[in-house]
């Protein structure tokens, strides 16, 4: 299972314990660098990005967590499988 996490603050929420790949997206390079320095879990990938346009391919993730938007957001629908 591949999970996209919107916002560095949600990266350790534990909602994706069974995920094989976790993609953390945040608009702040400093926040992403902080997370990278704190954790060396190989399942994590860190990308600059945020809504309304995510830097992910179509149908790339199984779920998206951390978003403070409606579940039927077109961008979230685009990136979910």
PDB file of N, CA and C in Angstrom:
ATOM      1  N   UNK A   1       0.842  -1.178   0.000  1.00  0.00           N
ATOM      2  CA  UNK A   1       0.000   0.000   0.000  1.00  0.00           C
ATOM      3  C   UNK A   1       0.891   1.245   0.000  1.00  0.00           C
ATOM      4  N   UNK A   2       0.528   2.218  -0.824  1.00  0.00           N
ATOM      5  CA  UNK A   2       1.259   3.482  -0.937  1.00  0.00           C
ATOM      6  C   UNK A   2       0.358   4.603  -0.397  1.00  0.00           C
ATOM      7  N   UNK A   3       0.884   5.407   0.522  1.00  0.00           N
ATOM      8  CA  UNK A   3       0.124   6.466   1.177  1.00  0.00           C
ATOM      9  C   UNK A   3       0.791   7.812   0.926  1.00  0.00           C
ATOM     10  N   UNK A   4      -0.010   8.819   0.586  1.00  0.00           N
ATOM     11  CA  UNK A   4       0.477  10.199   0.493  1.00  0.00           C
ATOM     12  C   UNK A   4       0.039  10.928   1.763  1.00  0.00           C
ATOM     13  N   UNK A   5       0.973  11.635   2.373  1.00  0.00           N
ATOM     14  CA  UNK A   5       0.698  12.385   3.597  1.00  0.00           C
ATOM     15  C   UNK A   5       0.851  13.859   3.267  1.00  0.00           C
ATOM     16  N   UNK A   6      -0.237  14.607   3.395  1.00  0.00           N
ATOM     17  CA  UNK A   6      -0.206  16.038   3.103  1.00  0.00           C
ATOM     18  C   UNK A   6       0.112  16.807   4.372  1.00  0.00           C
ATOM     19  N   UNK A   7       1.327  17.324   4.429  1.00  0.00           N
ATOM     20  CA  UNK A   7       1.772  18.103   5.577  1.00  0.00           C
ATOM     21  C   UNK A   7       2.718  17.322   6.464  1.00  0.00           C
ATOM     22  N   UNK A   8       3.876  17.893   6.724  1.00  0.00           N
ATOM     23  CA  UNK A   8       4.891  17.254   7.559  1.00  0.00           C
ATOM     24  C   UNK A   8       4.361  16.964   8.960  1.00  0.00           C
ATOM     25  N   UNK A   9       3.446  17.775   9.446  1.00  0.00           N
ATOM     26  CA  UNK A   9       2.891  17.584  10.787  1.00  0.00           C
ATOM     27  C   UNK A   9       2.156  16.258  10.921  1.00  0.00           C
ATOM     28  N   UNK A  10       1.695  15.691   9.829  1.00  0.00           N
ATOM     29  CA  UNK A  10       0.941  14.440   9.857  1.00  0.00           C
ATOM     30  C   UNK A  10       1.816  13.221   9.576  1.00  0.00           C
ATOM     31  N   UNK A  11       3.093  13.416   9.389  1.00  0.00           N
ATOM     32  CA  UNK A  11       3.976  12.331   8.947  1.00  0.00           C
ATOM     33  C   UNK A  11       4.139  11.216   9.963  1.00  0.00           C
ATOM     34  N   UNK A  12       3.891  11.465  11.206  1.00  0.00           N
ATOM     35  CA  UNK A  12       4.068  10.437  12.242  1.00  0.00           C
ATOM     36  C   UNK A  12       2.755  10.117  12.962  1.00  0.00           C
ATOM     37  N   UNK A  13       1.647  10.338  12.314  1.00  0.00           N
ATOM     38  CA  UNK A  13       0.343  10.097  12.949  1.00  0.00           C
ATOM     39  C   UNK A  13       0.057   8.627  13.205  1.00  0.00           C
ATOM     40  N   UNK A  14       0.695   7.736  12.486  1.00  0.00           N
ATOM     41  CA  UNK A  14       0.480   6.320  12.682  1.00  0.00           C
ATOM     42  C   UNK A  14      -0.719   5.756  11.948  1.00  0.00           C
ATOM     43  N   UNK A  15      -1.380   6.549  11.120  1.00  0.00           N
ATOM     44  CA  UNK A  15      -2.545   6.092  10.371  1.00  0.00           C
ATOM     45  C   UNK A  15      -2.165   5.150   9.237  1.00  0.00           C
ATOM     46  N   UNK A  16      -0.906   4.944   9.000  1.00  0.00           N
ATOM     47  CA  UNK A  16      -0.448   4.176   7.852  1.00  0.00           C
ATOM     48  C   UNK A  16       0.625   3.175   8.251  1.00  0.00           C
ATOM     49  N   UNK A  17       0.421   2.530   9.401  1.00  0.00           N
ATOM     50  CA  UNK A  17       1.406   1.592   9.922  1.00  0.00           C
ATOM     51  C   UNK A  17       1.680   0.442   8.954  1.00  0.00           C
ATOM     52  N   UNK A  18       0.690   0.009   8.168  1.00  0.00           N
ATOM     53  CA  UNK A  18       0.880  -1.098   7.257  1.00  0.00           C
ATOM     54  C   UNK A  18       1.360  -0.702   5.874  1.00  0.00           C
ATOM     55  N   UNK A  19       1.645   0.566   5.672  1.00  0.00           N
ATOM     56  CA  UNK A  19       2.038   1.052   4.344  1.00  0.00           C
ATOM     57  C   UNK A  19       3.441   0.587   3.979  1.00  0.00           C
ATOM     58  N   UNK A  20       3.600   0.235   2.701  1.00  0.00           N
ATOM     59  CA  UNK A  20       4.909  -0.145   2.188  1.00  0.00           C
ATOM     60  C   UNK A  20       5.708   1.068   1.734  1.00  0.00           C
ATOM     61  N   UNK A  21       4.988   2.131   1.343  1.00  0.00           N
ATOM     62  CA  UNK A  21       5.630   3.371   0.901  1.00  0.00           C
ATOM     63  C   UNK A  21       4.803   4.544   1.410  1.00  0.00           C
ATOM     64  N   UNK A  22       5.494   5.546   1.968  1.00  0.00           N
ATOM     65  CA  UNK A  22       4.840   6.726   2.528  1.00  0.00           C
ATOM     66  C   UNK A  22       5.486   7.949   1.898  1.00  0.00           C
ATOM     67  N   UNK A  23       4.683   8.736   1.202  1.00  0.00           N
ATOM     68  CA  UNK A  23       5.179   9.925   0.517  1.00  0.00           C
ATOM     69  C   UNK A  23       4.677  11.145   1.278  1.00  0.00           C
ATOM     70  N   UNK A  24       5.596  11.885   1.883  1.00  0.00           N
ATOM     71  CA  UNK A  24       5.244  13.073   2.656  1.00  0.00           C
ATOM     72  C   UNK A  24       5.422  14.284   1.765  1.00  0.00           C
ATOM     73  N   UNK A  25       4.351  15.070   1.635  1.00  0.00           N
ATOM     74  CA  UNK A  25       4.384  16.284   0.824  1.00  0.00           C
ATOM     75  C   UNK A  25       4.199  17.501   1.730  1.00  0.00           C
ATOM     76  N   UNK A  26       5.062  18.489   1.556  1.00  0.00           N
ATOM     77  CA  UNK A  26       4.971  19.704   2.350  1.00  0.00           C
ATOM     78  C   UNK A  26       5.585  20.840   1.528  1.00  0.00           C
ATOM     79  N   UNK A  27       5.062  22.058   1.682  1.00  0.00           N
ATOM     80  CA  UNK A  27       5.613  23.185   0.920  1.00  0.00           C
ATOM     81  C   UNK A  27       6.912  23.750   1.503  1.00  0.00           C
ATOM     82  N   UNK A  28       7.318  23.267   2.678  1.00  0.00           N
ATOM     83  CA  UNK A  28       8.488  23.822   3.354  1.00  0.00           C
ATOM     84  C   UNK A  28       9.701  22.892   3.253  1.00  0.00           C
ATOM     85  N   UNK A  29      10.758  23.330   2.563  1.00  0.00           N
ATOM     86  CA  UNK A  29      11.980  22.516   2.527  1.00  0.00           C
ATOM     87  C   UNK A  29      12.543  22.271   3.932  1.00  0.00           C
ATOM     88  N   UNK A  30      12.438  23.260   4.810  1.00  0.00           N
ATOM     89  CA  UNK A  30      12.970  23.115   6.169  1.00  0.00           C
ATOM     90  C   UNK A  30      12.244  22.010   6.933  1.00  0.00           C
ATOM     91  N   UNK A  31      10.940  21.930   6.789  1.00  0.00           N
ATOM     92  CA  UNK A  31      10.176  20.873   7.463  1.00  0.00           C
ATOM     93  C   UNK A  31      10.553  19.498   6.924  1.00  0.00           C
ATOM     94  N   UNK A  32      10.695  19.389   5.626  1.00  0.00           N
ATOM     95  CA  UNK A  32      11.077  18.108   5.039  1.00  0.00           C
ATOM     96  C   UNK A  32      12.483  17.706   5.460  1.00  0.00           C
ATOM     97  N   UNK A  33      13.402  18.652   5.520  1.00  0.00           N
ATOM     98  CA  UNK A  33      14.767  18.362   5.974  1.00  0.00           C
ATOM     99  C   UNK A  33      14.775  17.922   7.432  1.00  0.00           C
ATOM    100  N   UNK A  34      13.933  18.546   8.253  1.00  0.00           N
ATOM    101  CA  UNK A  34      13.833  18.170   9.665  1.00  0.00           C
ATOM    102  C   UNK A  34      13.372  16.720   9.789  1.00  0.00           C
ATOM    103  N   UNK A  35      12.329  16.360   9.042  1.00  0.00           N
ATOM    104  CA  UNK A  35      11.835  14.988   9.082  1.00  0.00           C
ATOM    105  C   UNK A  35      12.897  13.998   8.607  1.00  0.00           C
ATOM    106  N   UNK A  36      13.579  14.338   7.552  1.00  0.00           N
ATOM    107  CA  UNK A  36      14.616  13.465   7.009  1.00  0.00           C
ATOM    108  C   UNK A  36      15.734  13.244   8.028  1.00  0.00           C
ATOM    109  N   UNK A  37      16.083  14.280   8.770  1.00  0.00           N
ATOM    110  CA  UNK A  37      17.135  14.163   9.782  1.00  0.00           C
ATOM    111  C   UNK A  37      16.685  13.327  10.980  1.00  0.00           C
ATOM    112  N   UNK A  38      15.390  13.363  11.284  1.00  0.00           N
ATOM    113  CA  UNK A  38      14.859  12.653  12.444  1.00  0.00           C
ATOM    114  C   UNK A  38      14.628  11.175  12.188  1.00  0.00           C
ATOM    115  N   UNK A  39      14.293  10.804  10.973  1.00  0.00           N
ATOM    116  CA  UNK A  39      13.874   9.436  10.716  1.00  0.00           C
ATOM    117  C   UNK A  39      14.580   8.883   9.488  1.00  0.00           C
ATOM    118  N   UNK A  40      15.005   7.654   9.603  1.00  0.00           N
ATOM    119  CA  UNK A  40      15.703   7.015   8.481  1.00  0.00           C
ATOM    120  C   UNK A  40      14.935   5.789   7.998  1.00  0.00           C
ATOM    121  N   UNK A  41      13.621   5.827   8.154  1.00  0.00           N
ATOM    122  CA  UNK A  41      12.768   4.730   7.703  1.00  0.00           C
ATOM    123  C   UNK A  41      12.780   4.714   6.173  1.00  0.00           C
ATOM    124  N   UNK A  42      13.199   3.622   5.553  1.00  0.00           N
ATOM    125  CA  UNK A  42      13.306   3.584   4.087  1.00  0.00           C
ATOM    126  C   UNK A  42      11.960   3.635   3.366  1.00  0.00           C
ATOM    127  N   UNK A  43      10.860   3.486   4.076  1.00  0.00           N
ATOM    128  CA  UNK A  43       9.537   3.572   3.443  1.00  0.00           C
ATOM    129  C   UNK A  43       9.160   5.007   3.092  1.00  0.00           C
ATOM    130  N   UNK A  44       9.830   5.980   3.698  1.00  0.00           N
ATOM    131  CA  UNK A  44       9.461   7.387   3.524  1.00  0.00           C
ATOM    132  C   UNK A  44      10.187   8.037   2.348  1.00  0.00           C
ATOM    133  N   UNK A  45       9.423   8.826   1.594  1.00  0.00           N
ATOM    134  CA  UNK A  45       9.944   9.700   0.549  1.00  0.00           C
ATOM    135  C   UNK A  45       9.415  11.090   0.858  1.00  0.00           C
ATOM    136  N   UNK A  46      10.221  12.117   0.657  1.00  0.00           N
ATOM    137  CA  UNK A  46       9.837  13.489   0.977  1.00  0.00           C
ATOM    138  C   UNK A  46       9.833  14.325  -0.286  1.00  0.00           C
ATOM    139  N   UNK A  47       8.701  14.999  -0.546  1.00  0.00           N
ATOM    140  CA  UNK A  47       8.555  15.829  -1.741  1.00  0.00           C
ATOM    141  C   UNK A  47       8.013  17.208  -1.379  1.00  0.00           C
ATOM    142  N   UNK A  48       8.505  18.219  -2.087  1.00  0.00           N
ATOM    143  CA  UNK A  48       7.902  19.542  -1.978  1.00  0.00           C
ATOM    144  C   UNK A  48       6.568  19.509  -2.707  1.00  0.00           C
ATOM    145  N   UNK A  49       5.520  19.977  -2.055  1.00  0.00           N
ATOM    146  CA  UNK A  49       4.227  20.005  -2.718  1.00  0.00           C
ATOM    147  C   UNK A  49       3.096  20.220  -1.736  1.00  0.00           C
ATOM    148  N   UNK A  50       1.967  20.636  -2.266  1.00  0.00           N
ATOM    149  CA  UNK A  50       0.758  20.838  -1.484  1.00  0.00           C
ATOM    150  C   UNK A  50      -0.414  20.988  -2.447  1.00  0.00           C
ATOM    151  N   UNK A  51      -1.617  20.935  -1.910  1.00  0.00           N
ATOM    152  CA  UNK A  51      -2.786  21.211  -2.734  1.00  0.00           C
ATOM    153  C   UNK A  51      -2.783  22.681  -3.115  1.00  0.00           C
ATOM    154  N   UNK A  52      -3.273  23.037  -4.256  1.00  0.00           N
ATOM    155  CA  UNK A  52      -4.240  22.328  -5.074  1.00  0.00           C
ATOM    156  C   UNK A  52      -3.654  21.415  -6.137  1.00  0.00           C
ATOM    157  N   UNK A  53      -2.310  21.404  -6.317  1.00  0.00           N
ATOM    158  CA  UNK A  53      -1.714  20.527  -7.328  1.00  0.00           C
ATOM    159  C   UNK A  53      -0.602  19.714  -6.657  1.00  0.00           C
ATOM    160  N   UNK A  54      -0.765  18.394  -6.662  1.00  0.00           N
ATOM    161  CA  UNK A  54       0.220  17.511  -6.047  1.00  0.00           C
ATOM    162  C   UNK A  54       1.184  16.978  -7.109  1.00  0.00           C
ATOM    163  N   UNK A  55       2.470  16.884  -6.781  1.00  0.00           N
ATOM    164  CA  UNK A  55       3.455  16.391  -7.742  1.00  0.00           C
ATOM    165  C   UNK A  55       3.506  14.858  -7.784  1.00  0.00           C
ATOM    166  N   UNK A  56       2.353  14.262  -8.053  1.00  0.00           N
ATOM    167  CA  UNK A  56       2.234  12.807  -8.104  1.00  0.00           C
ATOM    168  C   UNK A  56       1.533  12.398  -9.390  1.00  0.00           C
ATOM    169  N   UNK A  57       1.874  11.225  -9.908  1.00  0.00           N
ATOM    170  CA  UNK A  57       1.186  10.732 -11.108  1.00  0.00           C
ATOM    171  C   UNK A  57      -0.269  10.364 -10.802  1.00  0.00           C
ATOM    172  N   UNK A  58      -1.058  10.246 -11.837  1.00  0.00           N
ATOM    173  CA  UNK A  58      -2.444   9.801 -11.708  1.00  0.00           C
ATOM    174  C   UNK A  58      -2.479   8.405 -11.106  1.00  0.00           C
ATOM    175  N   UNK A  59      -3.470   8.171 -10.241  1.00  0.00           N
ATOM    176  CA  UNK A  59      -3.715   6.854  -9.642  1.00  0.00           C
ATOM    177  C   UNK A  59      -2.452   6.249  -9.025  1.00  0.00           C
ATOM    178  N   UNK A  60      -1.698   7.030  -8.293  1.00  0.00           N
ATOM    179  CA  UNK A  60      -0.406   6.611  -7.766  1.00  0.00           C
ATOM    180  C   UNK A  60      -0.476   6.097  -6.331  1.00  0.00           C
ATOM    181  N   UNK A  61      -1.437   6.586  -5.514  1.00  0.00           N
ATOM    182  CA  UNK A  61      -1.487   6.205  -4.103  1.00  0.00           C
ATOM    183  C   UNK A  61      -2.802   5.504  -3.771  1.00  0.00           C
ATOM    184  N   UNK A  62      -2.742   4.712  -2.719  1.00  0.00           N
ATOM    185  CA  UNK A  62      -3.944   4.020  -2.258  1.00  0.00           C
ATOM    186  C   UNK A  62      -4.785   4.907  -1.340  1.00  0.00           C
ATOM    187  N   UNK A  63      -4.119   5.787  -0.600  1.00  0.00           N
ATOM    188  CA  UNK A  63      -4.862   6.699   0.265  1.00  0.00           C
ATOM    189  C   UNK A  63      -4.077   7.983   0.474  1.00  0.00           C
ATOM    190  N   UNK A  64      -4.819   9.006   0.902  1.00  0.00           N
ATOM    191  CA  UNK A  64      -4.233  10.311   1.202  1.00  0.00           C
ATOM    192  C   UNK A  64      -4.684  10.679   2.607  1.00  0.00           C
ATOM    193  N   UNK A  65      -3.732  11.034   3.459  1.00  0.00           N
ATOM    194  CA  UNK A  65      -4.061  11.451   4.820  1.00  0.00           C
ATOM    195  C   UNK A  65      -3.522  12.851   5.067  1.00  0.00           C
ATOM    196  N   UNK A  66      -4.129  13.499   6.055  1.00  0.00           N
ATOM    197  CA  UNK A  66      -3.669  14.818   6.447  1.00  0.00           C
ATOM    198  C   UNK A  66      -4.332  15.972   5.734  1.00  0.00           C
ATOM    199  N   UNK A  67      -5.098  15.693   4.713  1.00  0.00           N
ATOM    200  CA  UNK A  67      -5.721  16.767   3.945  1.00  0.00           C
ATOM    201  C   UNK A  67      -6.890  17.361   4.717  1.00  0.00           C
ATOM    202  N   UNK A  68      -6.970  18.656   4.697  1.00  0.00           N
ATOM    203  CA  UNK A  68      -8.086  19.355   5.324  1.00  0.00           C
ATOM    204  C   UNK A  68      -9.063  19.813   4.239  1.00  0.00           C
ATOM    205  N   UNK A  69      -9.319  18.923   3.314  1.00  0.00           N
ATOM    206  CA  UNK A  69     -10.222  19.243   2.207  1.00  0.00           C
ATOM    207  C   UNK A  69     -11.267  18.152   2.090  1.00  0.00           C
ATOM    208  N   UNK A  70     -12.251  18.393   1.270  1.00  0.00           N
ATOM    209  CA  UNK A  70     -13.309  17.416   1.064  1.00  0.00           C
ATOM    210  C   UNK A  70     -12.764  16.179   0.362  1.00  0.00           C
ATOM    211  N   UNK A  71     -13.323  15.037   0.698  1.00  0.00           N
ATOM    212  CA  UNK A  71     -12.872  13.760   0.131  1.00  0.00           C
ATOM    213  C   UNK A  71     -13.040  13.712  -1.386  1.00  0.00           C
ATOM    214  N   UNK A  72     -13.972  14.488  -1.920  1.00  0.00           N
ATOM    215  CA  UNK A  72     -14.190  14.455  -3.373  1.00  0.00           C
ATOM    216  C   UNK A  72     -13.388  15.528  -4.111  1.00  0.00           C
ATOM    217  N   UNK A  73     -12.350  16.064  -3.472  1.00  0.00           N
ATOM    218  CA  UNK A  73     -11.479  17.044  -4.115  1.00  0.00           C
ATOM    219  C   UNK A  73     -10.929  16.427  -5.402  1.00  0.00           C
ATOM    220  N   UNK A  74     -11.010  17.141  -6.530  1.00  0.00           N
ATOM    221  CA  UNK A  74     -10.571  16.569  -7.809  1.00  0.00           C
ATOM    222  C   UNK A  74      -9.105  16.131  -7.820  1.00  0.00           C
ATOM    223  N   UNK A  75      -8.239  16.859  -7.160  1.00  0.00           N
ATOM    224  CA  UNK A  75      -6.820  16.492  -7.148  1.00  0.00           C
ATOM    225  C   UNK A  75      -6.600  15.216  -6.335  1.00  0.00           C
ATOM    226  N   UNK A  76      -7.308  15.080  -5.231  1.00  0.00           N
ATOM    227  CA  UNK A  76      -7.185  13.857  -4.435  1.00  0.00           C
ATOM    228  C   UNK A  76      -7.742  12.659  -5.188  1.00  0.00           C
ATOM    229  N   UNK A  77      -8.827  12.852  -5.902  1.00  0.00           N
ATOM    230  CA  UNK A  77      -9.373  11.779  -6.724  1.00  0.00           C
ATOM    231  C   UNK A  77      -8.389  11.387  -7.823  1.00  0.00           C
ATOM    232  N   UNK A  78      -7.694  12.367  -8.394  1.00  0.00           N
ATOM    233  CA  UNK A  78      -6.745  12.106  -9.469  1.00  0.00           C
ATOM    234  C   UNK A  78      -5.586  11.220  -9.020  1.00  0.00           C
ATOM    235  N   UNK A  79      -5.043  11.481  -7.832  1.00  0.00           N
ATOM    236  CA  UNK A  79      -3.850  10.749  -7.402  1.00  0.00           C
ATOM    237  C   UNK A  79      -4.171   9.411  -6.741  1.00  0.00           C
ATOM    238  N   UNK A  80      -5.416   9.218  -6.307  1.00  0.00           N
ATOM    239  CA  UNK A  80      -5.800   7.943  -5.680  1.00  0.00           C
ATOM    240  C   UNK A  80      -6.095   6.876  -6.710  1.00  0.00           C
ATOM    241  N   UNK A  81      -5.785   5.633  -6.371  1.00  0.00           N
ATOM    242  CA  UNK A  81      -6.105   4.482  -7.222  1.00  0.00           C
ATOM    243  C   UNK A  81      -7.573   4.152  -7.112  1.00  0.00           C
TER     244      UNK A  81
END
